[in-house]
Amino acid sequence: MQWYGAHLIKYLKYKDNIQNGYVIYENIVLVSAETPGEALLEAEKYGKSEEVDTTIGPNDRPAEWIFAGVRYVMPCSNVNELSETSLVHGTKITSRFLQVESEADIEKLVEEEEVKVKLLGFDS
């Protein structure tokens, strides 16, 4: 098995459908798979399992986190030299919060097309 870093994208959508841009959460997690294609499928499955229906979002407004897709998976080098017990499927490597203007921009981000993105900060 090979370890891959999977870049998962989800976004915050307000239930009242009033959006002033979209907050994006890019989460990079470890995925164990035999091939890049299998890693992509595993990453998509994991990303969908992380969708959250938040009853109260920022500004006390009902919202939900929606999984938009996997930007890409990248093989991790030298990771297989580490103890297998120290790494698990879904381990978060890093994450960050971004903002885009529209749902179309979210799709562009997932598809790795050019899009204007504002960096809001990193998740600790």
PDB file of N, CA and C in Angstrom:
ATOM      1  N   MET A   1       0.840  -1.186   0.000  1.00  0.00           N
ATOM      2  CA  MET A   1       0.000   0.000   0.000  1.00  0.00           C
ATOM      3  C   MET A   1       0.880   1.242   0.000  1.00  0.00           C
ATOM      4  N   GLN A   2       0.382   2.280  -0.615  1.00  0.00           N
ATOM      5  CA  GLN A   2       1.074   3.564  -0.707  1.00  0.00           C
ATOM      6  C   GLN A   2       0.228   4.605   0.031  1.00  0.00           C
ATOM      7  N   TRP A   3       0.891   5.562   0.677  1.00  0.00           N
ATOM      8  CA  TRP A   3       0.183   6.677   1.303  1.00  0.00           C
ATOM      9  C   TRP A   3       0.093   7.835   0.314  1.00  0.00           C
ATOM     10  N   TYR A   4      -1.075   8.496   0.322  1.00  0.00           N
ATOM     11  CA  TYR A   4      -1.330   9.648  -0.532  1.00  0.00           C
ATOM     12  C   TYR A   4      -1.851  10.794   0.335  1.00  0.00           C
ATOM     13  N   GLY A   5      -1.495  12.014  -0.026  1.00  0.00           N
ATOM     14  CA  GLY A   5      -2.100  13.200   0.574  1.00  0.00           C
ATOM     15  C   GLY A   5      -3.274  13.599  -0.295  1.00  0.00           C
ATOM     16  N   ALA A   6      -4.471  13.574   0.265  1.00  0.00           N
ATOM     17  CA  ALA A   6      -5.683  13.898  -0.489  1.00  0.00           C
ATOM     18  C   ALA A   6      -6.186  15.279  -0.077  1.00  0.00           C
ATOM     19  N   HIS A   7      -6.363  16.154  -1.050  1.00  0.00           N
ATOM     20  CA  HIS A   7      -6.834  17.520  -0.809  1.00  0.00           C
ATOM     21  C   HIS A   7      -8.351  17.547  -0.969  1.00  0.00           C
ATOM     22  N   LEU A   8      -9.062  17.587   0.148  1.00  0.00           N
ATOM     23  CA  LEU A   8     -10.522  17.562   0.161  1.00  0.00           C
ATOM     24  C   LEU A   8     -11.062  18.985   0.279  1.00  0.00           C
ATOM     25  N   ILE A   9     -12.096  19.286  -0.481  1.00  0.00           N
ATOM     26  CA  ILE A   9     -12.703  20.616  -0.468  1.00  0.00           C
ATOM     27  C   ILE A   9     -14.164  20.499  -0.026  1.00  0.00           C
ATOM     28  N   LYS A  10     -14.520  21.278   1.006  1.00  0.00           N
ATOM     29  CA  LYS A  10     -15.931  21.426   1.354  1.00  0.00           C
ATOM     30  C   LYS A  10     -16.207  22.906   1.577  1.00  0.00           C
ATOM     31  N   TYR A  11     -17.479  23.281   1.506  1.00  0.00           N
ATOM     32  CA  TYR A  11     -17.819  24.693   1.635  1.00  0.00           C
ATOM     33  C   TYR A  11     -19.035  24.868   2.535  1.00  0.00           C
ATOM     34  N   LEU A  12     -19.137  26.071   3.098  1.00  0.00           N
ATOM     35  CA  LEU A  12     -20.220  26.417   4.003  1.00  0.00           C
ATOM     36  C   LEU A  12     -21.349  27.047   3.202  1.00  0.00           C
ATOM     37  N   LYS A  13     -22.525  26.448   3.317  1.00  0.00           N
ATOM     38  CA  LYS A  13     -23.692  26.990   2.624  1.00  0.00           C
ATOM     39  C   LYS A  13     -24.772  27.301   3.656  1.00  0.00           C
ATOM     40  N   TYR A  14     -25.232  28.542   3.621  1.00  0.00           N
ATOM     41  CA  TYR A  14     -26.280  28.961   4.535  1.00  0.00           C
ATOM     42  C   TYR A  14     -27.628  28.440   4.050  1.00  0.00           C
ATOM     43  N   LYS A  15     -28.431  27.992   4.983  1.00  0.00           N
ATOM     44  CA  LYS A  15     -29.721  27.401   4.628  1.00  0.00           C
ATOM     45  C   LYS A  15     -30.736  28.431   4.160  1.00  0.00           C
ATOM     46  N   ASP A  16     -30.500  29.716   4.479  1.00  0.00           N
ATOM     47  CA  ASP A  16     -31.407  30.755   3.994  1.00  0.00           C
ATOM     48  C   ASP A  16     -31.053  31.202   2.573  1.00  0.00           C
ATOM     49  N   ASN A  17     -30.021  30.564   1.985  1.00  0.00           N
ATOM     50  CA  ASN A  17     -29.564  30.834   0.611  1.00  0.00           C
ATOM     51  C   ASN A  17     -29.061  32.255   0.393  1.00  0.00           C
ATOM     52  N   ILE A  18     -28.734  32.968   1.452  1.00  0.00           N
ATOM     53  CA  ILE A  18     -28.130  34.290   1.330  1.00  0.00           C
ATOM     54  C   ILE A  18     -26.633  34.119   1.563  1.00  0.00           C
ATOM     55  N   GLN A  19     -25.857  34.251   0.508  1.00  0.00           N
ATOM     56  CA  GLN A  19     -24.407  34.029   0.567  1.00  0.00           C
ATOM     57  C   GLN A  19     -23.683  35.318   0.209  1.00  0.00           C
ATOM     58  N   ASN A  20     -22.695  35.660   0.992  1.00  0.00           N
ATOM     59  CA  ASN A  20     -21.804  36.763   0.661  1.00  0.00           C
ATOM     60  C   ASN A  20     -20.421  36.140   0.459  1.00  0.00           C
ATOM     61  N   GLY A  21     -20.291  35.387  -0.601  1.00  0.00           N
ATOM     62  CA  GLY A  21     -19.100  34.585  -0.825  1.00  0.00           C
ATOM     63  C   GLY A  21     -19.257  33.237  -0.146  1.00  0.00           C
ATOM     64  N   TYR A  22     -18.337  32.324  -0.408  1.00  0.00           N
ATOM     65  CA  TYR A  22     -18.385  30.977   0.146  1.00  0.00           C
ATOM     66  C   TYR A  22     -17.100  30.678   0.906  1.00  0.00           C
ATOM     67  N   VAL A  23     -17.251  30.281   2.154  1.00  0.00           N
ATOM     68  CA  VAL A  23     -16.099  29.853   2.933  1.00  0.00           C
ATOM     69  C   VAL A  23     -15.784  28.418   2.534  1.00  0.00           C
ATOM     70  N   ILE A  24     -14.521  28.199   2.181  1.00  0.00           N
ATOM     71  CA  ILE A  24     -14.030  26.886   1.746  1.00  0.00           C
ATOM     72  C   ILE A  24     -13.138  26.323   2.842  1.00  0.00           C
ATOM     73  N   TYR A  25     -13.254  25.026   3.072  1.00  0.00           N
ATOM     74  CA  TYR A  25     -12.358  24.330   3.996  1.00  0.00           C
ATOM     75  C   TYR A  25     -11.591  23.296   3.180  1.00  0.00           C
ATOM     76  N   GLU A  26     -10.294  23.530   3.003  1.00  0.00           N
ATOM     77  CA  GLU A  26      -9.446  22.550   2.315  1.00  0.00           C
ATOM     78  C   GLU A  26      -8.721  21.750   3.388  1.00  0.00           C
ATOM     79  N   ASN A  27      -9.015  20.466   3.429  1.00  0.00           N
ATOM     80  CA  ASN A  27      -8.457  19.566   4.421  1.00  0.00           C
ATOM     81  C   ASN A  27      -7.583  18.547   3.696  1.00  0.00           C
ATOM     82  N   ILE A  28      -6.340  18.423   4.108  1.00  0.00           N
ATOM     83  CA  ILE A  28      -5.431  17.474   3.479  1.00  0.00           C
ATOM     84  C   ILE A  28      -5.235  16.316   4.444  1.00  0.00           C
ATOM     85  N   VAL A  29      -5.673  15.137   4.017  1.00  0.00           N
ATOM     86  CA  VAL A  29      -5.625  13.949   4.867  1.00  0.00           C
ATOM     87  C   VAL A  29      -4.819  12.844   4.187  1.00  0.00           C
ATOM     88  N   LEU A  30      -4.355  11.898   4.997  1.00  0.00           N
ATOM     89  CA  LEU A  30      -3.669  10.726   4.464  1.00  0.00           C
ATOM     90  C   LEU A  30      -4.683   9.689   4.024  1.00  0.00           C
ATOM     91  N   VAL A  31      -4.406   9.065   2.882  1.00  0.00           N
ATOM     92  CA  VAL A  31      -5.232   7.985   2.361  1.00  0.00           C
ATOM     93  C   VAL A  31      -4.292   6.862   1.952  1.00  0.00           C
ATOM     94  N   SER A  32      -4.622   5.650   2.334  1.00  0.00           N
ATOM     95  CA  SER A  32      -3.827   4.479   1.974  1.00  0.00           C
ATOM     96  C   SER A  32      -4.521   3.748   0.832  1.00  0.00           C
ATOM     97  N   ALA A  33      -3.775   3.498  -0.260  1.00  0.00           N
ATOM     98  CA  ALA A  33      -4.365   2.837  -1.426  1.00  0.00           C
ATOM     99  C   ALA A  33      -3.266   2.207  -2.274  1.00  0.00           C
ATOM    100  N   GLU A  34      -3.679   1.319  -3.170  1.00  0.00           N
ATOM    101  CA  GLU A  34      -2.735   0.654  -4.075  1.00  0.00           C
ATOM    102  C   GLU A  34      -2.360   1.528  -5.261  1.00  0.00           C
ATOM    103  N   THR A  35      -3.325   2.338  -5.734  1.00  0.00           N
ATOM    104  CA  THR A  35      -3.110   3.145  -6.939  1.00  0.00           C
ATOM    105  C   THR A  35      -3.652   4.559  -6.717  1.00  0.00           C
ATOM    106  N   PRO A  36      -3.228   5.523  -7.534  1.00  0.00           N
ATOM    107  CA  PRO A  36      -3.797   6.872  -7.425  1.00  0.00           C
ATOM    108  C   PRO A  36      -5.319   6.893  -7.637  1.00  0.00           C
ATOM    109  N   GLY A  37      -5.811   6.064  -8.549  1.00  0.00           N
ATOM    110  CA  GLY A  37      -7.259   5.996  -8.791  1.00  0.00           C
ATOM    111  C   GLY A  37      -8.016   5.496  -7.575  1.00  0.00           C
ATOM    112  N   GLU A  38      -7.462   4.480  -6.932  1.00  0.00           N
ATOM    113  CA  GLU A  38      -8.077   3.957  -5.714  1.00  0.00           C
ATOM    114  C   GLU A  38      -8.006   4.998  -4.596  1.00  0.00           C
ATOM    115  N   ALA A  39      -6.894   5.736  -4.534  1.00  0.00           N
ATOM    116  CA  ALA A  39      -6.745   6.789  -3.528  1.00  0.00           C
ATOM    117  C   ALA A  39      -7.801   7.869  -3.728  1.00  0.00           C
ATOM    118  N   LEU A  40      -8.085   8.219  -4.980  1.00  0.00           N
ATOM    119  CA  LEU A  40      -9.111   9.218  -5.278  1.00  0.00           C
ATOM    120  C   LEU A  40     -10.481   8.744  -4.793  1.00  0.00           C
ATOM    121  N   LEU A  41     -10.813   7.483  -5.052  1.00  0.00           N
ATOM    122  CA  LEU A  41     -12.094   6.933  -4.610  1.00  0.00           C
ATOM    123  C   LEU A  41     -12.202   6.916  -3.086  1.00  0.00           C
ATOM    124  N   GLU A  42     -11.124   6.511  -2.424  1.00  0.00           N
ATOM    125  CA  GLU A  42     -11.099   6.500  -0.958  1.00  0.00           C
ATOM    126  C   GLU A  42     -11.240   7.917  -0.392  1.00  0.00           C
ATOM    127  N   ALA A  43     -10.572   8.880  -1.027  1.00  0.00           N
ATOM    128  CA  ALA A  43     -10.645  10.269  -0.584  1.00  0.00           C
ATOM    129  C   ALA A  43     -12.066  10.807  -0.744  1.00  0.00           C
ATOM    130  N   GLU A  44     -12.718  10.484  -1.861  1.00  0.00           N
ATOM    131  CA  GLU A  44     -14.102  10.932  -2.075  1.00  0.00           C
ATOM    132  C   GLU A  44     -15.033  10.336  -1.025  1.00  0.00           C
ATOM    133  N   LYS A  45     -14.847   9.061  -0.730  1.00  0.00           N
ATOM    134  CA  LYS A  45     -15.674   8.397   0.285  1.00  0.00           C
ATOM    135  C   LYS A  45     -15.468   9.063   1.653  1.00  0.00           C
ATOM    136  N   TYR A  46     -14.222   9.316   1.986  1.00  0.00           N
ATOM    137  CA  TYR A  46     -13.920   9.962   3.264  1.00  0.00           C
ATOM    138  C   TYR A  46     -14.495  11.378   3.310  1.00  0.00           C
ATOM    139  N   GLY A  47     -14.330  12.135   2.227  1.00  0.00           N
ATOM    140  CA  GLY A  47     -14.844  13.506   2.178  1.00  0.00           C
ATOM    141  C   GLY A  47     -16.353  13.562   2.349  1.00  0.00           C
ATOM    142  N   LYS A  48     -17.075  12.655   1.706  1.00  0.00           N
ATOM    143  CA  LYS A  48     -18.536  12.621   1.838  1.00  0.00           C
ATOM    144  C   LYS A  48     -18.953  12.281   3.259  1.00  0.00           C
ATOM    145  N   SER A  49     -18.164  11.457   3.924  1.00  0.00           N
ATOM    146  CA  SER A  49     -18.498  11.080   5.310  1.00  0.00           C
ATOM    147  C   SER A  49     -18.288  12.243   6.275  1.00  0.00           C
ATOM    148  N   GLU A  50     -17.557  13.270   5.839  1.00  0.00           N
ATOM    149  CA  GLU A  50     -17.248  14.419   6.688  1.00  0.00           C
ATOM    150  C   GLU A  50     -18.235  15.580   6.516  1.00  0.00           C
ATOM    151  N   GLU A  51     -19.263  15.417   5.672  1.00  0.00           N
ATOM    152  CA  GLU A  51     -20.254  16.477   5.522  1.00  0.00           C
ATOM    153  C   GLU A  51     -20.985  16.675   6.845  1.00  0.00           C
ATOM    154  N   VAL A  52     -21.210  17.921   7.216  1.00  0.00           N
ATOM    155  CA  VAL A  52     -21.833  18.220   8.500  1.00  0.00           C
ATOM    156  C   VAL A  52     -23.005  19.169   8.289  1.00  0.00           C
ATOM    157  N   ASP A  53     -24.157  18.782   8.812  1.00  0.00           N
ATOM    158  CA  ASP A  53     -25.328  19.656   8.804  1.00  0.00           C
ATOM    159  C   ASP A  53     -25.276  20.443  10.108  1.00  0.00           C
ATOM    160  N   THR A  54     -24.732  21.636  10.039  1.00  0.00           N
ATOM    161  CA  THR A  54     -24.555  22.472  11.216  1.00  0.00           C
ATOM    162  C   THR A  54     -25.846  23.225  11.480  1.00  0.00           C
ATOM    163  N   THR A  55     -26.378  23.081  12.662  1.00  0.00           N
ATOM    164  CA  THR A  55     -27.629  23.783  12.947  1.00  0.00           C
ATOM    165  C   THR A  55     -27.414  25.290  13.054  1.00  0.00           C
ATOM    166  N   ILE A  56     -26.302  25.705  13.664  1.00  0.00           N
ATOM    167  CA  ILE A  56     -25.995  27.130  13.763  1.00  0.00           C
ATOM    168  C   ILE A  56     -24.577  27.349  13.236  1.00  0.00           C
ATOM    169  N   GLY A  57     -24.454  28.138  12.181  1.00  0.00           N
ATOM    170  CA  GLY A  57     -23.152  28.446  11.612  1.00  0.00           C
ATOM    171  C   GLY A  57     -22.665  29.798  12.103  1.00  0.00           C
ATOM    172  N   PRO A  58     -21.679  30.346  11.422  1.00  0.00           N
ATOM    173  CA  PRO A  58     -21.201  31.683  11.778  1.00  0.00           C
ATOM    174  C   PRO A  58     -22.349  32.694  11.753  1.00  0.00           C
ATOM    175  N   ASN A  59     -22.277  33.684  12.599  1.00  0.00           N
ATOM    176  CA  ASN A  59     -23.300  34.726  12.705  1.00  0.00           C
ATOM    177  C   ASN A  59     -24.662  34.166  13.127  1.00  0.00           C
ATOM    178  N   ASP A  60     -24.634  33.017  13.825  1.00  0.00           N
ATOM    179  CA  ASP A  60     -25.861  32.385  14.330  1.00  0.00           C
ATOM    180  C   ASP A  60     -26.884  32.083  13.228  1.00  0.00           C
ATOM    181  N   ARG A  61     -26.395  31.758  12.039  1.00  0.00           N
ATOM    182  CA  ARG A  61     -27.280  31.418  10.926  1.00  0.00           C
ATOM    183  C   ARG A  61     -27.194  29.925  10.646  1.00  0.00           C
ATOM    184  N   PRO A  62     -28.328  29.264  10.381  1.00  0.00           N
ATOM    185  CA  PRO A  62     -28.307  27.844  10.034  1.00  0.00           C
ATOM    186  C   PRO A  62     -27.476  27.625   8.763  1.00  0.00           C
ATOM    187  N   ALA A  63     -26.601  26.623   8.819  1.00  0.00           N
ATOM    188  CA  ALA A  63     -25.700  26.371   7.693  1.00  0.00           C
ATOM    189  C   ALA A  63     -25.312  24.896   7.663  1.00  0.00           C
ATOM    190  N   GLU A  64     -24.672  24.500   6.582  1.00  0.00           N
ATOM    191  CA  GLU A  64     -24.150  23.137   6.475  1.00  0.00           C
ATOM    192  C   GLU A  64     -22.842  23.147   5.698  1.00  0.00           C
ATOM    193  N   TRP A  65     -21.949  22.206   6.054  1.00  0.00           N
ATOM    194  CA  TRP A  65     -20.709  21.999   5.309  1.00  0.00           C
ATOM    195  C   TRP A  65     -20.994  20.959   4.237  1.00  0.00           C
ATOM    196  N   ILE A  66     -20.755  21.313   2.978  1.00  0.00           N
ATOM    197  CA  ILE A  66     -21.035  20.426   1.841  1.00  0.00           C
ATOM    198  C   ILE A  66     -19.721  20.018   1.189  1.00  0.00           C
ATOM    199  N   PHE A  67     -19.553  18.727   0.968  1.00  0.00           N
ATOM    200  CA  PHE A  67     -18.364  18.215   0.294  1.00  0.00           C
ATOM    201  C   PHE A  67     -18.441  18.559  -1.184  1.00  0.00           C
ATOM    202  N   ALA A  68     -17.428  19.273  -1.700  1.00  0.00           N
ATOM    203  CA  ALA A  68     -17.412  19.691  -3.105  1.00  0.00           C
ATOM    204  C   ALA A  68     -16.619  18.724  -3.976  1.00  0.00           C
ATOM    205  N   GLY A  69     -15.599  18.094  -3.416  1.00  0.00           N
ATOM    206  CA  GLY A  69     -14.808  17.145  -4.201  1.00  0.00           C
ATOM    207  C   GLY A  69     -13.366  17.096  -3.743  1.00  0.00           C
ATOM    208  N   VAL A  70     -12.597  16.314  -4.478  1.00  0.00           N
ATOM    209  CA  VAL A  70     -11.173  16.137  -4.205  1.00  0.00           C
ATOM    210  C   VAL A  70     -10.395  16.918  -5.254  1.00  0.00           C
ATOM    211  N   ARG A  71      -9.560  17.861  -4.811  1.00  0.00           N
ATOM    212  CA  ARG A  71      -8.739  18.620  -5.768  1.00  0.00           C
ATOM    213  C   ARG A  71      -7.747  17.694  -6.439  1.00  0.00           C
ATOM    214  N   TYR A  72      -7.019  16.954  -5.631  1.00  0.00           N
ATOM    215  CA  TYR A  72      -6.075  15.976  -6.170  1.00  0.00           C
ATOM    216  C   TYR A  72      -5.548  15.102  -5.058  1.00  0.00           C
ATOM    217  N   VAL A  73      -4.957  13.993  -5.460  1.00  0.00           N
ATOM    218  CA  VAL A  73      -4.233  13.132  -4.526  1.00  0.00           C
ATOM    219  C   VAL A  73      -2.782  13.086  -4.989  1.00  0.00           C
ATOM    220  N   MET A  74      -1.885  13.099  -4.033  1.00  0.00           N
ATOM    221  CA  MET A  74      -0.467  13.120  -4.350  1.00  0.00           C
ATOM    222  C   MET A  74       0.246  12.061  -3.506  1.00  0.00           C
ATOM    223  N   PRO A  75       1.081  11.228  -4.132  1.00  0.00           N
ATOM    224  CA  PRO A  75       1.805  10.231  -3.336  1.00  0.00           C
ATOM    225  C   PRO A  75       2.753  10.899  -2.336  1.00  0.00           C
ATOM    226  N   CYS A  76       2.831  10.340  -1.161  1.00  0.00           N
ATOM    227  CA  CYS A  76       3.741  10.833  -0.118  1.00  0.00           C
ATOM    228  C   CYS A  76       5.043  10.055  -0.211  1.00  0.00           C
ATOM    229  N   SER A  77       6.156  10.758  -0.279  1.00  0.00           N
ATOM    230  CA  SER A  77       7.437  10.075  -0.346  1.00  0.00           C
ATOM    231  C   SER A  77       8.004   9.874   1.049  1.00  0.00           C
ATOM    232  N   ASN A  78       8.695   8.788   1.236  1.00  0.00           N
ATOM    233  CA  ASN A  78       9.364   8.415   2.481  1.00  0.00           C
ATOM    234  C   ASN A  78       8.417   8.114   3.632  1.00  0.00           C
ATOM    235  N   VAL A  79       7.115   8.162   3.417  1.00  0.00           N
ATOM    236  CA  VAL A  79       6.173   7.888   4.505  1.00  0.00           C
ATOM    237  C   VAL A  79       6.169   6.410   4.853  1.00  0.00           C
ATOM    238  N   ASN A  80       6.359   5.538   3.866  1.00  0.00           N
ATOM    239  CA  ASN A  80       6.305   4.108   4.123  1.00  0.00           C
ATOM    240  C   ASN A  80       7.433   3.629   5.031  1.00  0.00           C
ATOM    241  N   GLU A  81       8.444   4.469   5.234  1.00  0.00           N
ATOM    242  CA  GLU A  81       9.530   4.112   6.133  1.00  0.00           C
ATOM    243  C   GLU A  81       9.123   4.270   7.594  1.00  0.00           C
ATOM    244  N   LEU A  82       8.036   4.992   7.857  1.00  0.00           N
ATOM    245  CA  LEU A  82       7.563   5.189   9.226  1.00  0.00           C
ATOM    246  C   LEU A  82       6.834   3.945   9.706  1.00  0.00           C
ATOM    247  N   SER A  83       6.672   3.835  10.977  1.00  0.00           N
ATOM    248  CA  SER A  83       5.937   2.721  11.568  1.00  0.00           C
ATOM    249  C   SER A  83       4.498   2.740  11.074  1.00  0.00           C
ATOM    250  N   GLU A  84       3.989   1.609  10.642  1.00  0.00           N
ATOM    251  CA  GLU A  84       2.612   1.522  10.161  1.00  0.00           C
ATOM    252  C   GLU A  84       1.619   1.893  11.261  1.00  0.00           C
ATOM    253  N   THR A  85       1.991   1.718  12.532  1.00  0.00           N
ATOM    254  CA  THR A  85       1.064   2.040  13.617  1.00  0.00           C
ATOM    255  C   THR A  85       0.972   3.537  13.864  1.00  0.00           C
ATOM    256  N   SER A  86       1.903   4.316  13.324  1.00  0.00           N
ATOM    257  CA  SER A  86       1.875   5.758  13.565  1.00  0.00           C
ATOM    258  C   SER A  86       1.015   6.502  12.546  1.00  0.00           C
ATOM    259  N   LEU A  87       0.602   5.849  11.477  1.00  0.00           N
ATOM    260  CA  LEU A  87      -0.221   6.479  10.448  1.00  0.00           C
ATOM    261  C   LEU A  87      -1.531   5.713  10.299  1.00  0.00           C
ATOM    262  N   VAL A  88      -2.622   6.457  10.148  1.00  0.00           N
ATOM    263  CA  VAL A  88      -3.915   5.825   9.915  1.00  0.00           C
ATOM    264  C   VAL A  88      -4.645   6.566   8.805  1.00  0.00           C
ATOM    265  N   HIS A  89      -5.504   5.843   8.121  1.00  0.00           N
ATOM    266  CA  HIS A  89      -6.332   6.384   7.049  1.00  0.00           C
ATOM    267  C   HIS A  89      -7.153   7.542   7.607  1.00  0.00           C
ATOM    268  N   GLY A  90      -7.112   8.712   6.964  1.00  0.00           N
ATOM    269  CA  GLY A  90      -7.885   9.876   7.381  1.00  0.00           C
ATOM    270  C   GLY A  90      -7.157  10.822   8.314  1.00  0.00           C
ATOM    271  N   THR A  91      -5.887  10.518   8.632  1.00  0.00           N
ATOM    272  CA  THR A  91      -5.112  11.417   9.487  1.00  0.00           C
ATOM    273  C   THR A  91      -4.996  12.781   8.814  1.00  0.00           C
ATOM    274  N   LYS A  92      -5.344  13.854   9.550  1.00  0.00           N
ATOM    275  CA  LYS A  92      -5.249  15.195   8.976  1.00  0.00           C
ATOM    276  C   LYS A  92      -3.790  15.632   8.962  1.00  0.00           C
ATOM    277  N   ILE A  93      -3.319  16.079   7.808  1.00  0.00           N
ATOM    278  CA  ILE A  93      -1.966  16.595   7.672  1.00  0.00           C
ATOM    279  C   ILE A  93      -1.972  18.098   7.948  1.00  0.00           C
ATOM    280  N   THR A  94      -2.857  18.803   7.281  1.00  0.00           N
ATOM    281  CA  THR A  94      -3.017  20.246   7.473  1.00  0.00           C
ATOM    282  C   THR A  94      -4.349  20.645   6.862  1.00  0.00           C
ATOM    283  N   SER A  95      -4.770  21.860   7.137  1.00  0.00           N
ATOM    284  CA  SER A  95      -6.005  22.368   6.546  1.00  0.00           C
ATOM    285  C   SER A  95      -5.973  23.889   6.580  1.00  0.00           C
ATOM    286  N   ARG A  96      -6.841  24.481   5.761  1.00  0.00           N
ATOM    287  CA  ARG A  96      -6.909  25.939   5.720  1.00  0.00           C
ATOM    288  C   ARG A  96      -8.304  26.368   5.290  1.00  0.00           C
ATOM    289  N   PHE A  97      -8.647  27.607   5.653  1.00  0.00           N
ATOM    290  CA  PHE A  97      -9.919  28.203   5.265  1.00  0.00           C
ATOM    291  C   PHE A  97      -9.670  29.216   4.160  1.00  0.00           C
ATOM    292  N   LEU A  98     -10.494  29.148   3.118  1.00  0.00           N
ATOM    293  CA  LEU A  98     -10.407  30.045   1.966  1.00  0.00           C
ATOM    294  C   LEU A  98     -11.780  30.651   1.739  1.00  0.00           C
ATOM    295  N   GLN A  99     -11.872  31.641   0.855  1.00  0.00           N
ATOM    296  CA  GLN A  99     -13.157  32.191   0.473  1.00  0.00           C
ATOM    297  C   GLN A  99     -13.166  32.449  -1.023  1.00  0.00           C
ATOM    298  N   VAL A 100     -14.293  32.106  -1.673  1.00  0.00           N
ATOM    299  CA  VAL A 100     -14.514  32.402  -3.092  1.00  0.00           C
ATOM    300  C   VAL A 100     -15.867  33.092  -3.212  1.00  0.00           C
ATOM    301  N   GLU A 101     -16.155  33.618  -4.388  1.00  0.00           N
ATOM    302  CA  GLU A 101     -17.365  34.416  -4.592  1.00  0.00           C
ATOM    303  C   GLU A 101     -18.615  33.598  -4.904  1.00  0.00           C
ATOM    304  N   SER A 102     -18.475  32.442  -5.579  1.00  0.00           N
ATOM    305  CA  SER A 102     -19.668  31.743  -6.055  1.00  0.00           C
ATOM    306  C   SER A 102     -19.481  30.228  -6.029  1.00  0.00           C
ATOM    307  N   GLU A 103     -20.595  29.514  -6.201  1.00  0.00           N
ATOM    308  CA  GLU A 103     -20.525  28.052  -6.300  1.00  0.00           C
ATOM    309  C   GLU A 103     -19.754  27.641  -7.556  1.00  0.00           C
ATOM    310  N   ALA A 104     -19.840  28.422  -8.609  1.00  0.00           N
ATOM    311  CA  ALA A 104     -19.060  28.132  -9.826  1.00  0.00           C
ATOM    312  C   ALA A 104     -17.566  28.201  -9.515  1.00  0.00           C
ATOM    313  N   ASP A 105     -17.171  29.147  -8.650  1.00  0.00           N
ATOM    314  CA  ASP A 105     -15.767  29.247  -8.246  1.00  0.00           C
ATOM    315  C   ASP A 105     -15.332  28.026  -7.436  1.00  0.00           C
ATOM    316  N   ILE A 106     -16.250  27.461  -6.644  1.00  0.00           N
ATOM    317  CA  ILE A 106     -15.934  26.241  -5.891  1.00  0.00           C
ATOM    318  C   ILE A 106     -15.602  25.122  -6.859  1.00  0.00           C
ATOM    319  N   GLU A 107     -16.422  24.969  -7.890  1.00  0.00           N
ATOM    320  CA  GLU A 107     -16.195  23.926  -8.899  1.00  0.00           C
ATOM    321  C   GLU A 107     -14.846  24.142  -9.597  1.00  0.00           C
ATOM    322  N   LYS A 108     -14.528  25.388  -9.921  1.00  0.00           N
ATOM    323  CA  LYS A 108     -13.240  25.684 -10.550  1.00  0.00           C
ATOM    324  C   LYS A 108     -12.086  25.294  -9.631  1.00  0.00           C
ATOM    325  N   LEU A 109     -12.239  25.575  -8.332  1.00  0.00           N
ATOM    326  CA  LEU A 109     -11.202  25.229  -7.368  1.00  0.00           C
ATOM    327  C   LEU A 109     -10.984  23.720  -7.326  1.00  0.00           C
ATOM    328  N   VAL A 110     -12.078  22.965  -7.274  1.00  0.00           N
ATOM    329  CA  VAL A 110     -11.978  21.504  -7.252  1.00  0.00           C
ATOM    330  C   VAL A 110     -11.331  20.983  -8.530  1.00  0.00           C
ATOM    331  N   GLU A 111     -11.661  21.590  -9.651  1.00  0.00           N
ATOM    332  CA  GLU A 111     -11.128  21.150 -10.949  1.00  0.00           C
ATOM    333  C   GLU A 111      -9.745  21.721 -11.243  1.00  0.00           C
ATOM    334  N   GLU A 112      -9.185  22.463 -10.291  1.00  0.00           N
ATOM    335  CA  GLU A 112      -7.855  23.072 -10.416  1.00  0.00           C
ATOM    336  C   GLU A 112      -7.767  24.089 -11.542  1.00  0.00           C
ATOM    337  N   GLU A 113      -8.875  24.788 -11.785  1.00  0.00           N
ATOM    338  CA  GLU A 113      -8.887  25.869 -12.762  1.00  0.00           C
ATOM    339  C   GLU A 113      -8.556  27.178 -12.040  1.00  0.00           C
ATOM    340  N   GLU A 114      -8.203  28.184 -12.803  1.00  0.00           N
ATOM    341  CA  GLU A 114      -7.869  29.476 -12.207  1.00  0.00           C
ATOM    342  C   GLU A 114      -9.104  30.103 -11.577  1.00  0.00           C
ATOM    343  N   VAL A 115      -8.944  30.527 -10.334  1.00  0.00           N
ATOM    344  CA  VAL A 115     -10.041  31.156  -9.608  1.00  0.00           C
ATOM    345  C   VAL A 115      -9.450  32.080  -8.544  1.00  0.00           C
ATOM    346  N   LYS A 116     -10.130  33.200  -8.303  1.00  0.00           N
ATOM    347  CA  LYS A 116      -9.691  34.133  -7.268  1.00  0.00           C
ATOM    348  C   LYS A 116     -10.099  33.560  -5.908  1.00  0.00           C
ATOM    349  N   VAL A 117      -9.102  33.420  -5.021  1.00  0.00           N
ATOM    350  CA  VAL A 117      -9.313  32.834  -3.697  1.00  0.00           C
ATOM    351  C   VAL A 117      -8.719  33.751  -2.643  1.00  0.00           C
ATOM    352  N   LYS A 118      -9.459  33.933  -1.560  1.00  0.00           N
ATOM    353  CA  LYS A 118      -8.946  34.704  -0.430  1.00  0.00           C
ATOM    354  C   LYS A 118      -8.597  33.705   0.681  1.00  0.00           C
ATOM    355  N   LEU A 119      -7.367  33.781   1.193  1.00  0.00           N
ATOM    356  CA  LEU A 119      -6.954  32.939   2.304  1.00  0.00           C
ATOM    357  C   LEU A 119      -7.465  33.557   3.608  1.00  0.00           C
ATOM    358  N   LEU A 120      -8.279  32.787   4.343  1.00  0.00           N
ATOM    359  CA  LEU A 120      -8.845  33.281   5.605  1.00  0.00           C
ATOM    360  C   LEU A 120      -7.995  32.866   6.798  1.00  0.00           C
ATOM    361  N   GLY A 121      -7.287  31.759   6.675  1.00  0.00           N
ATOM    362  CA  GLY A 121      -6.451  31.307   7.782  1.00  0.00           C
ATOM    363  C   GLY A 121      -6.312  29.794   7.787  1.00  0.00           C
ATOM    364  N   PHE A 122      -5.554  29.313   8.764  1.00  0.00           N
ATOM    365  CA  PHE A 122      -5.292  27.881   8.885  1.00  0.00           C
ATOM    366  C   PHE A 122      -6.007  27.333  10.093  1.00  0.00           C
ATOM    367  N   ASP A 123      -6.425  26.082   9.983  1.00  0.00           N
ATOM    368  CA  ASP A 123      -7.064  25.379  11.085  1.00  0.00           C
ATOM    369  C   ASP A 123      -5.973  24.795  11.968  1.00  0.00           C
ATOM    370  N   SER A 124      -6.131  24.889  13.253  1.00  0.00           N
ATOM    371  CA  SER A 124      -5.099  24.330  14.149  1.00  0.00           C
ATOM    372  C   SER A 124      -5.482  22.961  14.631  1.00  0.00           C
TER     373      SER A 124
END
